Amino acid sequence: MYITGKYWGNLIGDTDDSLTLMDYLSEKGKSEVDVREIFADFGLDRLEGDFRAPEVPIVYTDEEGWETDIHFAIDLVTDLAALLLECKVSGSVDLGELGGGEASGPLRITAGPEEHALVDRTLQDFAAQPLRYDPYLSGLVPEEDMRALAALCAELREELYG
């Protein structure tokens, strides 16, 4: 897979939030999922594009009523950006190959112009100002890793939206 090693597993795609996203996508049982649906299911749509330090809980409630929290909105956005890039390059993504979810065949992540613009702006903002994102995240992750992730997000953004 194109993103493996270059992005996925290299500061992107290796958090608890990533595992939650992979489980969510796997449980969807669809061959195509739109970013708008993902944002709505996790409540990111309520943040109005401000993913720096949301005060609104980011939670996914599955069909059985179980709630799963996303700790950091930026994790979800960077993971989705990487998955969008994989779909741009390869046409789809295999969750099993990424180490998450069951191998259920190819999955295509899609996004409309508004969602692409939002992901683009978010990657650009994080790349420019990574330490302005969730103070708890900045406290957990060393500054050099935050800056490395910011540089990686700038690369990812360039490849995705160039």
N, C-alpha and C. Protein backbone atom coordinates (compact mmCIF):
# COMPACT_ATOMS: atom_id res chain seq x y z
N MET A 1 0.83 -1.18 0.00
CA MET A 1 0.00 0.00 0.00
C MET A 1 0.88 1.24 0.00
N TYR A 2 0.42 2.23 -0.69
CA TYR A 2 1.22 3.44 -0.87
C TYR A 2 1.55 4.15 0.44
N ILE A 3 0.56 4.28 1.33
CA ILE A 3 0.77 5.10 2.54
C ILE A 3 1.52 4.36 3.64
N THR A 4 1.62 3.04 3.56
CA THR A 4 2.26 2.26 4.62
C THR A 4 3.74 2.62 4.72
N GLY A 5 4.15 2.96 5.94
CA GLY A 5 5.55 3.30 6.18
C GLY A 5 5.86 4.76 5.89
N LYS A 6 5.33 5.26 4.79
CA LYS A 6 5.58 6.65 4.44
C LYS A 6 4.77 7.58 5.35
N TYR A 7 3.51 7.26 5.53
CA TYR A 7 2.64 8.03 6.42
C TYR A 7 2.07 7.13 7.51
N TRP A 8 1.38 6.08 7.08
CA TRP A 8 0.71 5.19 8.02
C TRP A 8 1.74 4.39 8.80
N GLY A 9 1.70 4.50 10.11
CA GLY A 9 2.69 3.84 10.94
C GLY A 9 3.91 4.71 11.20
N ASN A 10 3.90 5.91 10.67
CA ASN A 10 4.98 6.88 10.86
C ASN A 10 4.36 8.15 11.43
N LEU A 11 3.89 8.07 12.68
CA LEU A 11 3.21 9.15 13.41
C LEU A 11 1.75 9.33 12.99
N ILE A 12 1.33 8.72 11.93
CA ILE A 12 -0.07 8.74 11.49
C ILE A 12 -0.54 7.29 11.46
N GLY A 13 -1.74 7.07 11.97
CA GLY A 13 -2.30 5.73 11.91
C GLY A 13 -1.86 4.81 13.03
N ASP A 14 -1.19 5.35 14.04
CA ASP A 14 -0.69 4.47 15.10
C ASP A 14 -1.11 4.92 16.50
N THR A 15 -2.32 5.49 16.58
CA THR A 15 -2.84 5.92 17.88
C THR A 15 -4.07 5.09 18.24
N ASP A 16 -4.52 5.24 19.47
CA ASP A 16 -5.78 4.60 19.87
C ASP A 16 -6.93 5.13 19.01
N ASP A 17 -6.87 6.40 18.67
CA ASP A 17 -7.90 6.99 17.80
C ASP A 17 -7.90 6.33 16.43
N SER A 18 -6.71 5.97 15.94
CA SER A 18 -6.60 5.28 14.65
C SER A 18 -7.29 3.92 14.71
N LEU A 19 -7.07 3.21 15.82
CA LEU A 19 -7.71 1.90 15.97
C LEU A 19 -9.23 2.04 16.03
N THR A 20 -9.70 3.09 16.70
CA THR A 20 -11.14 3.34 16.76
C THR A 20 -11.69 3.60 15.36
N LEU A 21 -10.99 4.41 14.58
CA LEU A 21 -11.42 4.70 13.20
C LEU A 21 -11.44 3.42 12.37
N MET A 22 -10.40 2.60 12.49
CA MET A 22 -10.33 1.37 11.71
C MET A 22 -11.47 0.42 12.09
N ASP A 23 -11.75 0.30 13.38
CA ASP A 23 -12.87 -0.54 13.82
C ASP A 23 -14.19 -0.01 13.28
N TYR A 24 -14.36 1.29 13.36
CA TYR A 24 -15.57 1.94 12.86
C TYR A 24 -15.76 1.63 11.37
N LEU A 25 -14.71 1.83 10.58
CA LEU A 25 -14.81 1.60 9.14
C LEU A 25 -15.10 0.13 8.83
N SER A 26 -14.47 -0.74 9.59
CA SER A 26 -14.67 -2.17 9.41
C SER A 26 -16.11 -2.56 9.72
N GLU A 27 -16.63 -2.01 10.81
CA GLU A 27 -17.99 -2.33 11.23
C GLU A 27 -19.05 -1.76 10.28
N LYS A 28 -18.70 -0.73 9.53
CA LYS A 28 -19.64 -0.14 8.58
C LYS A 28 -20.10 -1.19 7.56
N GLY A 29 -19.19 -2.07 7.17
CA GLY A 29 -19.54 -3.12 6.22
C GLY A 29 -19.89 -2.59 4.84
N LYS A 30 -19.38 -1.44 4.50
CA LYS A 30 -19.65 -0.83 3.20
C LYS A 30 -18.40 -0.89 2.32
N SER A 31 -18.60 -0.74 1.04
CA SER A 31 -17.46 -0.67 0.13
C SER A 31 -17.03 0.77 -0.10
N GLU A 32 -17.89 1.72 0.31
CA GLU A 32 -17.57 3.14 0.15
C GLU A 32 -18.15 3.91 1.33
N VAL A 33 -17.33 4.77 1.93
CA VAL A 33 -17.77 5.61 3.04
C VAL A 33 -17.28 7.03 2.76
N ASP A 34 -18.19 7.98 2.93
CA ASP A 34 -17.86 9.38 2.67
C ASP A 34 -17.37 10.06 3.96
N VAL A 35 -16.43 10.95 3.82
CA VAL A 35 -15.88 11.68 4.96
C VAL A 35 -16.98 12.44 5.70
N ARG A 36 -17.95 12.95 4.98
CA ARG A 36 -19.07 13.66 5.62
C ARG A 36 -19.79 12.75 6.61
N GLU A 37 -20.00 11.50 6.23
CA GLU A 37 -20.65 10.52 7.10
C GLU A 37 -19.79 10.23 8.33
N ILE A 38 -18.49 10.11 8.12
CA ILE A 38 -17.56 9.85 9.23
C ILE A 38 -17.58 11.02 10.20
N PHE A 39 -17.48 12.24 9.67
CA PHE A 39 -17.52 13.43 10.52
C PHE A 39 -18.82 13.49 11.32
N ALA A 40 -19.94 13.18 10.68
CA ALA A 40 -21.24 13.21 11.37
C ALA A 40 -21.31 12.12 12.44
N ASP A 41 -20.86 10.92 12.12
CA ASP A 41 -20.93 9.82 13.08
C ASP A 41 -20.08 10.07 14.33
N PHE A 42 -18.95 10.76 14.18
CA PHE A 42 -18.08 11.05 15.32
C PHE A 42 -18.36 12.41 15.96
N GLY A 43 -19.20 13.22 15.33
CA GLY A 43 -19.52 14.53 15.88
C GLY A 43 -18.53 15.61 15.47
N LEU A 44 -17.64 15.31 14.56
CA LEU A 44 -16.70 16.34 14.10
C LEU A 44 -17.41 17.46 13.36
N ASP A 45 -18.55 17.16 12.78
CA ASP A 45 -19.30 18.18 12.07
C ASP A 45 -19.78 19.29 13.01
N ARG A 46 -19.90 19.00 14.30
CA ARG A 46 -20.33 20.00 15.28
C ARG A 46 -19.20 20.97 15.65
N LEU A 47 -17.98 20.65 15.26
CA LEU A 47 -16.83 21.48 15.65
C LEU A 47 -16.63 22.66 14.71
N GLU A 48 -17.37 22.70 13.62
CA GLU A 48 -17.30 23.79 12.66
C GLU A 48 -15.88 24.04 12.16
N GLY A 49 -15.14 22.97 11.96
CA GLY A 49 -13.80 23.09 11.40
C GLY A 49 -12.71 23.46 12.38
N ASP A 50 -13.04 23.63 13.64
CA ASP A 50 -12.03 23.97 14.64
C ASP A 50 -11.61 22.70 15.38
N PHE A 51 -10.52 22.12 14.92
CA PHE A 51 -10.05 20.86 15.48
C PHE A 51 -8.90 21.04 16.46
N ARG A 52 -8.57 22.28 16.79
CA ARG A 52 -7.43 22.54 17.67
C ARG A 52 -7.62 22.01 19.08
N ALA A 53 -8.65 22.39 19.75
CA ALA A 53 -8.89 21.96 21.13
C ALA A 53 -10.39 21.93 21.38
N PRO A 54 -11.07 20.99 20.75
CA PRO A 54 -12.53 20.97 20.86
C PRO A 54 -13.01 20.78 22.29
N GLU A 55 -14.06 21.50 22.63
CA GLU A 55 -14.66 21.35 23.94
C GLU A 55 -15.85 20.40 23.89
N VAL A 56 -16.27 20.06 22.69
CA VAL A 56 -17.36 19.11 22.48
C VAL A 56 -16.77 17.71 22.42
N PRO A 57 -17.33 16.75 23.16
CA PRO A 57 -16.79 15.38 23.10
C PRO A 57 -16.92 14.81 21.69
N ILE A 58 -15.91 14.09 21.29
CA ILE A 58 -15.91 13.44 19.99
C ILE A 58 -16.14 11.96 20.27
N VAL A 59 -17.33 11.51 19.97
CA VAL A 59 -17.76 10.17 20.36
C VAL A 59 -18.49 9.50 19.22
N TYR A 60 -18.22 8.23 19.03
CA TYR A 60 -18.98 7.42 18.09
C TYR A 60 -19.82 6.44 18.88
N THR A 61 -21.11 6.39 18.59
CA THR A 61 -22.00 5.43 19.22
C THR A 61 -22.39 4.40 18.18
N ASP A 62 -22.03 3.14 18.44
CA ASP A 62 -22.33 2.10 17.45
C ASP A 62 -23.80 1.69 17.52
N GLU A 63 -24.18 0.76 16.66
CA GLU A 63 -25.58 0.34 16.55
C GLU A 63 -26.10 -0.29 17.84
N GLU A 64 -25.22 -0.83 18.66
CA GLU A 64 -25.63 -1.45 19.91
C GLU A 64 -25.65 -0.46 21.08
N GLY A 65 -25.28 0.79 20.81
CA GLY A 65 -25.31 1.81 21.84
C GLY A 65 -24.00 2.02 22.58
N TRP A 66 -22.96 1.30 22.19
CA TRP A 66 -21.65 1.47 22.83
C TRP A 66 -20.99 2.73 22.32
N GLU A 67 -20.46 3.53 23.24
CA GLU A 67 -19.77 4.77 22.88
C GLU A 67 -18.26 4.56 22.89
N THR A 68 -17.62 5.12 21.88
CA THR A 68 -16.17 5.10 21.80
C THR A 68 -15.69 6.53 21.58
N ASP A 69 -14.81 6.99 22.46
CA ASP A 69 -14.29 8.35 22.37
C ASP A 69 -13.13 8.44 21.40
N ILE A 70 -13.05 9.59 20.77
CA ILE A 70 -11.85 9.98 20.03
C ILE A 70 -11.18 11.00 20.93
N HIS A 71 -9.92 10.77 21.25
CA HIS A 71 -9.23 11.66 22.17
C HIS A 71 -8.81 12.98 21.53
N PHE A 72 -8.36 12.90 20.28
CA PHE A 72 -7.85 14.09 19.62
C PHE A 72 -8.39 14.17 18.19
N ALA A 73 -9.13 15.21 17.91
CA ALA A 73 -9.74 15.39 16.58
C ALA A 73 -8.69 15.37 15.48
N ILE A 74 -7.53 15.94 15.75
CA ILE A 74 -6.50 16.01 14.72
C ILE A 74 -6.03 14.61 14.32
N ASP A 75 -6.05 13.65 15.25
CA ASP A 75 -5.69 12.28 14.90
C ASP A 75 -6.64 11.74 13.84
N LEU A 76 -7.92 11.96 14.03
CA LEU A 76 -8.91 11.46 13.09
C LEU A 76 -8.74 12.12 11.73
N VAL A 77 -8.50 13.42 11.71
CA VAL A 77 -8.34 14.15 10.45
C VAL A 77 -7.09 13.69 9.70
N THR A 78 -5.97 13.54 10.40
CA THR A 78 -4.74 13.11 9.71
C THR A 78 -4.87 11.68 9.20
N ASP A 79 -5.51 10.82 9.99
CA ASP A 79 -5.73 9.44 9.53
C ASP A 79 -6.61 9.43 8.28
N LEU A 80 -7.68 10.21 8.30
CA LEU A 80 -8.56 10.27 7.13
C LEU A 80 -7.83 10.83 5.91
N ALA A 81 -6.98 11.81 6.13
CA ALA A 81 -6.21 12.38 5.01
C ALA A 81 -5.32 11.31 4.39
N ALA A 82 -4.67 10.50 5.23
CA ALA A 82 -3.83 9.42 4.70
C ALA A 82 -4.67 8.40 3.93
N LEU A 83 -5.84 8.06 4.46
CA LEU A 83 -6.72 7.11 3.76
C LEU A 83 -7.23 7.70 2.45
N LEU A 84 -7.53 8.99 2.44
CA LEU A 84 -7.93 9.65 1.20
C LEU A 84 -6.80 9.60 0.17
N LEU A 85 -5.56 9.79 0.62
CA LEU A 85 -4.43 9.71 -0.30
C LEU A 85 -4.30 8.30 -0.86
N GLU A 86 -4.44 7.29 -0.02
CA GLU A 86 -4.37 5.91 -0.51
C GLU A 86 -5.43 5.66 -1.58
N CYS A 87 -6.63 6.16 -1.34
CA CYS A 87 -7.71 5.98 -2.31
C CYS A 87 -7.43 6.76 -3.60
N LYS A 88 -6.79 7.92 -3.47
CA LYS A 88 -6.43 8.71 -4.65
C LYS A 88 -5.41 7.96 -5.49
N VAL A 89 -4.43 7.36 -4.83
CA VAL A 89 -3.35 6.67 -5.53
C VAL A 89 -3.77 5.28 -6.02
N SER A 90 -4.43 4.52 -5.14
CA SER A 90 -4.72 3.11 -5.43
C SER A 90 -6.19 2.84 -5.76
N GLY A 91 -7.05 3.80 -5.54
CA GLY A 91 -8.46 3.60 -5.80
C GLY A 91 -9.26 3.14 -4.59
N SER A 92 -8.57 2.48 -3.65
CA SER A 92 -9.24 1.99 -2.44
C SER A 92 -8.18 1.69 -1.40
N VAL A 93 -8.65 1.27 -0.23
CA VAL A 93 -7.76 0.93 0.86
C VAL A 93 -8.20 -0.42 1.42
N ASP A 94 -7.26 -1.22 1.85
CA ASP A 94 -7.55 -2.49 2.51
C ASP A 94 -7.22 -2.33 3.98
N LEU A 95 -8.24 -2.28 4.82
CA LEU A 95 -8.03 -2.05 6.25
C LEU A 95 -7.17 -3.13 6.88
N GLY A 96 -7.33 -4.36 6.44
CA GLY A 96 -6.54 -5.47 6.97
C GLY A 96 -5.06 -5.26 6.76
N GLU A 97 -4.68 -4.72 5.62
CA GLU A 97 -3.27 -4.47 5.32
C GLU A 97 -2.69 -3.36 6.19
N LEU A 98 -3.56 -2.49 6.69
CA LEU A 98 -3.10 -1.40 7.55
C LEU A 98 -3.03 -1.82 9.01
N GLY A 99 -3.42 -3.04 9.28
CA GLY A 99 -3.34 -3.54 10.64
C GLY A 99 -4.54 -3.20 11.49
N GLY A 100 -5.62 -2.87 10.86
CA GLY A 100 -6.83 -2.55 11.63
C GLY A 100 -8.06 -3.07 10.94
N GLY A 101 -8.95 -3.59 11.70
CA GLY A 101 -10.19 -4.08 11.13
C GLY A 101 -9.98 -5.39 10.39
N GLU A 102 -11.07 -5.99 10.08
CA GLU A 102 -11.01 -7.25 9.34
C GLU A 102 -10.84 -6.93 7.86
N ALA A 103 -10.16 -7.81 7.18
CA ALA A 103 -10.02 -7.67 5.74
C ALA A 103 -11.39 -7.97 5.13
N SER A 104 -12.07 -6.94 4.69
CA SER A 104 -13.42 -7.12 4.16
C SER A 104 -13.50 -6.68 2.71
N GLY A 105 -12.39 -6.67 2.05
CA GLY A 105 -12.36 -6.21 0.67
C GLY A 105 -11.97 -4.75 0.60
N PRO A 106 -11.86 -4.25 -0.61
CA PRO A 106 -11.44 -2.85 -0.78
C PRO A 106 -12.50 -1.88 -0.27
N LEU A 107 -12.02 -0.83 0.37
CA LEU A 107 -12.88 0.23 0.88
C LEU A 107 -12.45 1.54 0.24
N ARG A 108 -13.40 2.25 -0.26
CA ARG A 108 -13.12 3.55 -0.86
C ARG A 108 -13.63 4.62 0.09
N ILE A 109 -12.73 5.54 0.46
CA ILE A 109 -13.08 6.71 1.27
C ILE A 109 -13.25 7.86 0.27
N THR A 110 -14.40 8.51 0.31
CA THR A 110 -14.67 9.61 -0.61
C THR A 110 -14.90 10.88 0.18
N ALA A 111 -14.82 12.00 -0.51
CA ALA A 111 -15.07 13.29 0.10
C ALA A 111 -15.53 14.27 -0.97
N GLY A 112 -16.47 15.11 -0.59
CA GLY A 112 -16.92 16.16 -1.49
C GLY A 112 -15.99 17.36 -1.40
N PRO A 113 -16.23 18.36 -2.21
CA PRO A 113 -15.37 19.54 -2.22
C PRO A 113 -15.26 20.23 -0.85
N GLU A 114 -16.36 20.32 -0.11
CA GLU A 114 -16.32 20.97 1.21
C GLU A 114 -15.44 20.20 2.19
N GLU A 115 -15.56 18.88 2.18
CA GLU A 115 -14.76 18.06 3.09
C GLU A 115 -13.29 18.09 2.70
N HIS A 116 -13.02 18.04 1.39
CA HIS A 116 -11.63 18.15 0.94
C HIS A 116 -11.03 19.49 1.37
N ALA A 117 -11.80 20.56 1.21
CA ALA A 117 -11.32 21.89 1.61
C ALA A 117 -11.04 21.93 3.11
N LEU A 118 -11.90 21.32 3.89
CA LEU A 118 -11.73 21.30 5.35
C LEU A 118 -10.48 20.49 5.74
N VAL A 119 -10.30 19.34 5.15
CA VAL A 119 -9.11 18.53 5.44
C VAL A 119 -7.85 19.29 5.01
N ASP A 120 -7.89 19.91 3.85
CA ASP A 120 -6.77 20.69 3.34
C ASP A 120 -6.40 21.81 4.32
N ARG A 121 -7.39 22.59 4.74
CA ARG A 121 -7.15 23.69 5.68
C ARG A 121 -6.60 23.18 7.02
N THR A 122 -7.14 22.07 7.47
CA THR A 122 -6.71 21.52 8.75
C THR A 122 -5.28 21.04 8.69
N LEU A 123 -4.91 20.33 7.63
CA LEU A 123 -3.53 19.89 7.48
C LEU A 123 -2.59 21.08 7.39
N GLN A 124 -2.99 22.09 6.65
CA GLN A 124 -2.17 23.29 6.51
C GLN A 124 -2.00 23.99 7.86
N ASP A 125 -3.09 24.11 8.62
CA ASP A 125 -3.03 24.77 9.91
C ASP A 125 -2.16 23.98 10.89
N PHE A 126 -2.35 22.67 10.92
CA PHE A 126 -1.55 21.85 11.84
C PHE A 126 -0.07 21.90 11.46
N ALA A 127 0.22 21.86 10.17
CA ALA A 127 1.61 21.91 9.71
C ALA A 127 2.27 23.22 10.15
N ALA A 128 1.51 24.30 10.13
CA ALA A 128 2.05 25.61 10.49
C ALA A 128 2.12 25.83 12.00
N GLN A 129 1.17 25.25 12.75
CA GLN A 129 1.08 25.55 14.18
C GLN A 129 0.72 24.31 15.00
N PRO A 130 1.54 23.30 14.99
CA PRO A 130 1.18 22.05 15.68
C PRO A 130 1.00 22.21 17.19
N LEU A 131 1.73 23.11 17.79
CA LEU A 131 1.66 23.24 19.24
C LEU A 131 0.42 23.99 19.71
N ARG A 132 -0.39 24.50 18.78
CA ARG A 132 -1.64 25.17 19.14
C ARG A 132 -2.79 24.17 19.23
N TYR A 133 -2.49 22.91 18.93
CA TYR A 133 -3.52 21.88 19.02
C TYR A 133 -3.56 21.32 20.42
N ASP A 134 -4.69 20.83 20.81
CA ASP A 134 -5.00 20.31 22.13
C ASP A 134 -3.80 20.32 23.08
N PRO A 135 -3.85 21.15 24.13
CA PRO A 135 -2.73 21.25 25.08
C PRO A 135 -2.38 19.91 25.72
N TYR A 136 -3.38 19.06 25.90
CA TYR A 136 -3.11 17.74 26.47
C TYR A 136 -2.26 16.91 25.52
N LEU A 137 -2.56 17.00 24.22
CA LEU A 137 -1.76 16.29 23.22
C LEU A 137 -0.33 16.80 23.24
N SER A 138 -0.18 18.12 23.28
CA SER A 138 1.16 18.71 23.31
C SER A 138 1.92 18.29 24.56
N GLY A 139 1.19 18.06 25.66
CA GLY A 139 1.82 17.60 26.89
C GLY A 139 2.23 16.14 26.84
N LEU A 140 1.53 15.34 26.05
CA LEU A 140 1.83 13.91 25.92
C LEU A 140 2.94 13.62 24.92
N VAL A 141 2.93 14.38 23.85
CA VAL A 141 3.86 14.13 22.74
C VAL A 141 5.00 15.14 22.80
N PRO A 142 6.23 14.67 22.77
CA PRO A 142 7.36 15.61 22.79
C PRO A 142 7.28 16.61 21.63
N GLU A 143 7.76 17.81 21.87
CA GLU A 143 7.69 18.87 20.87
C GLU A 143 8.33 18.45 19.55
N GLU A 144 9.45 17.74 19.61
CA GLU A 144 10.11 17.34 18.36
C GLU A 144 9.23 16.37 17.56
N ASP A 145 8.45 15.51 18.24
CA ASP A 145 7.54 14.62 17.54
C ASP A 145 6.36 15.39 16.96
N MET A 146 5.88 16.40 17.69
CA MET A 146 4.79 17.24 17.17
C MET A 146 5.25 17.96 15.90
N ARG A 147 6.48 18.44 15.93
CA ARG A 147 7.00 19.14 14.75
C ARG A 147 7.26 18.16 13.59
N ALA A 148 7.68 16.95 13.92
CA ALA A 148 7.87 15.92 12.88
C ALA A 148 6.52 15.55 12.26
N LEU A 149 5.50 15.43 13.10
CA LEU A 149 4.16 15.13 12.59
C LEU A 149 3.66 16.30 11.73
N ALA A 150 3.95 17.52 12.13
CA ALA A 150 3.55 18.69 11.35
C ALA A 150 4.21 18.66 9.97
N ALA A 151 5.48 18.32 9.91
CA ALA A 151 6.18 18.23 8.63
C ALA A 151 5.58 17.12 7.77
N LEU A 152 5.25 16.02 8.39
CA LEU A 152 4.63 14.90 7.68
C LEU A 152 3.26 15.32 7.13
N CYS A 153 2.51 16.08 7.92
CA CYS A 153 1.21 16.57 7.47
C CYS A 153 1.35 17.52 6.28
N ALA A 154 2.40 18.32 6.28
CA ALA A 154 2.66 19.22 5.15
C ALA A 154 2.93 18.40 3.89
N GLU A 155 3.72 17.34 4.02
CA GLU A 155 3.99 16.43 2.88
C GLU A 155 2.72 15.77 2.39
N LEU A 156 1.97 15.24 3.34
CA LEU A 156 0.71 14.57 3.01
C LEU A 156 -0.24 15.52 2.29
N ARG A 157 -0.35 16.72 2.80
CA ARG A 157 -1.21 17.73 2.18
C ARG A 157 -0.76 18.02 0.75
N GLU A 158 0.54 18.15 0.57
CA GLU A 158 1.07 18.43 -0.76
C GLU A 158 0.71 17.31 -1.75
N GLU A 159 0.86 16.07 -1.30
CA GLU A 159 0.54 14.94 -2.16
C GLU A 159 -0.96 14.84 -2.44
N LEU A 160 -1.75 15.14 -1.44
CA LEU A 160 -3.19 15.00 -1.59
C LEU A 160 -3.80 16.14 -2.37
N TYR A 161 -3.31 17.36 -2.13
CA TYR A 161 -3.95 18.54 -2.73
C TYR A 161 -3.03 19.36 -3.62
N GLY A 162 -1.72 19.07 -3.57
CA GLY A 162 -0.68 19.69 -4.37
C GLY A 162 -1.02 20.89 -5.08
